[in-house]
Protein backbone atom coordinates (compact mmCIF):
# COMPACT_ATOMS: atom_id res chain seq x y z
CA MET A 1 2.94 -27.66 58.34
CA GLN A 2 6.21 -29.04 56.90
CA SER A 3 9.36 -27.02 57.09
CA TYR A 4 11.08 -26.04 53.84
CA GLN A 5 13.74 -28.82 54.61
CA GLU A 6 11.00 -31.50 54.91
CA LYS A 7 9.16 -30.66 51.72
CA LYS A 8 10.00 -32.50 48.57
CA VAL A 9 10.97 -30.18 45.80
CA LEU A 10 10.13 -31.13 42.25
CA LYS A 11 12.97 -32.10 40.13
CA GLY A 12 14.39 -29.17 38.22
CA VAL A 13 12.75 -26.65 40.53
CA PRO A 14 15.15 -24.73 42.76
CA ASN A 15 14.54 -24.83 46.53
CA VAL A 16 14.25 -21.17 47.12
CA ALA A 17 14.81 -21.39 50.88
CA GLU A 18 18.06 -23.35 50.28
CA VAL A 19 19.16 -20.73 47.75
CA VAL A 20 18.44 -17.87 50.22
CA GLU A 21 20.39 -19.70 52.90
CA ALA A 22 23.31 -20.34 50.57
CA VAL A 23 23.53 -16.76 49.30
CA PHE A 24 23.22 -15.09 52.73
CA GLY A 25 25.43 -17.65 54.43
CA CYS A 26 28.60 -16.52 52.77
CA LYS A 27 30.80 -13.52 52.52
CA TRP A 28 30.93 -13.15 48.68
CA SER A 29 27.65 -14.23 47.05
CA LEU A 30 25.72 -10.99 47.63
CA ARG A 31 28.64 -8.91 46.40
CA ILE A 32 29.18 -11.02 43.36
CA LEU A 33 25.48 -10.89 42.44
CA GLY A 34 25.43 -7.15 42.96
CA LEU A 35 28.34 -6.65 40.53
CA ILE A 36 26.79 -9.02 37.94
CA ARG A 37 23.51 -7.09 38.17
CA ARG A 38 25.49 -3.84 37.52
CA GLY A 39 27.06 -5.36 34.33
CA VAL A 40 30.42 -6.63 35.72
CA CYS A 41 30.22 -10.19 34.31
CA ARG A 42 33.72 -11.43 33.77
CA PRO A 43 35.39 -13.34 36.62
CA GLY A 44 38.58 -11.31 36.45
CA ALA A 45 36.74 -8.03 36.57
CA ILE A 46 34.64 -9.21 39.59
CA GLU A 47 37.83 -10.36 41.32
CA ARG A 48 39.43 -6.94 40.82
CA GLU A 49 36.34 -5.12 42.14
CA LEU A 50 36.19 -7.26 45.22
CA GLU A 51 39.35 -6.84 47.28
CA GLY A 52 40.32 -10.20 48.86
CA LEU A 53 38.39 -12.37 46.43
CA THR A 54 40.85 -14.83 44.97
CA PRO A 55 40.32 -16.73 41.66
CA LYS A 56 40.05 -20.01 43.57
CA VAL A 57 37.35 -18.74 45.95
CA GLY A 58 35.65 -16.82 43.13
CA ASN A 59 35.46 -19.93 41.02
CA TYR A 60 33.91 -21.78 43.89
CA TYR A 61 31.14 -19.24 44.32
CA PHE A 62 30.51 -18.94 40.60
CA ARG A 63 30.14 -22.74 40.33
CA ARG A 64 27.94 -22.79 43.50
CA MET A 65 25.58 -20.17 42.15
CA VAL A 66 25.44 -21.94 38.72
CA SER A 67 24.54 -25.19 40.57
CA LEU A 68 21.80 -23.32 42.48
CA GLY A 69 20.37 -22.01 39.19
CA ILE A 70 21.05 -18.29 39.94
CA LEU A 71 23.81 -17.78 37.38
CA GLU A 72 24.70 -19.30 34.04
CA ARG A 73 28.21 -19.57 32.65
CA VAL A 74 28.58 -18.23 29.11
CA VAL A 75 31.72 -19.16 27.20
CA TYR A 76 32.59 -17.24 24.07
CA PRO A 77 34.71 -19.22 21.53
CA GLU A 78 37.62 -16.75 21.38
CA VAL A 79 41.32 -16.86 21.95
CA PRO A 80 41.98 -16.17 24.79
CA PRO A 81 38.86 -17.79 26.22
CA HIS A 82 36.17 -15.28 27.28
CA VAL A 83 33.85 -16.34 30.06
CA GLU A 84 30.99 -14.34 31.52
CA TYR A 85 28.43 -15.08 34.19
CA GLN A 86 24.82 -13.90 33.72
CA LEU A 87 21.66 -14.10 35.91
CA THR A 88 19.33 -16.85 34.78
CA ASP A 89 15.54 -16.37 34.65
CA PHE A 90 15.36 -17.73 38.13
CA GLY A 91 18.25 -15.41 39.19
CA LEU A 92 16.34 -12.43 37.80
CA ARG A 93 13.25 -13.50 39.72
CA PHE A 94 15.31 -14.19 42.84
CA MET A 95 16.97 -10.74 43.00
CA PRO A 96 13.73 -8.96 44.40
CA ILE A 97 13.88 -11.40 47.37
CA LEU A 98 17.41 -10.28 48.07
CA ASP A 99 16.40 -6.62 47.65
CA SER A 100 13.52 -7.07 50.13
CA ILE A 101 15.81 -8.59 52.77
CA GLU A 102 18.45 -5.83 52.23
CA GLU A 103 15.67 -3.19 52.50
CA LEU A 104 14.39 -4.78 55.78
CA GLN A 105 17.93 -4.61 57.13
CA ARG A 106 18.26 -0.96 56.18
CA GLN A 107 14.89 -0.19 57.88
CA LEU A 108 15.95 -2.05 61.06
CA GLU A 109 19.29 -0.21 61.19
CA ALA A 110 17.55 3.16 60.65
CA GLN A 111 15.05 2.38 63.39
CA GLN A 112 17.85 1.41 65.77
CA GLN A 113 19.81 4.56 64.99
CA ASP A 114 16.65 6.65 65.64
CA GLN A 115 16.19 4.78 68.98
CA ASP A 116 19.85 5.36 69.95
CA LEU A 117 19.49 9.06 69.11
CA ILE A 118 16.35 9.41 71.23
CA GLU A 119 18.06 7.60 74.17
CA SER A 120 21.18 9.77 73.87
CA GLN A 121 19.05 12.96 73.88
CA ALA A 122 17.07 11.75 76.91
CA THR A 123 20.27 11.40 78.97
CA VAL A 124 21.49 14.92 78.19
């Protein structure tokens, strides 16, 4: 069986494993996607919500997620320019994967807390 890196991906079809790796491999992607899903779509608003996210770093991650096909950049012809980022169809279909991984993490943490509690009660 080939690994996801060895498989050829059809042109125009996102490599989902690569997208998962890119999103989970950085500090900001999950937070940015969470805000966009909640309706915070303008770069400046996202930067204000996420303490420590600079415009330069934010723009890098916006461009990265656009190139991965998760987000699309929407420019409104106004003065001053109005830019928003929205989830693409792929981005909407990708979010349940992220939700499942986050739920697995919550379950593992709860299980560990339960185990720690049992162990601490056993030593009393």
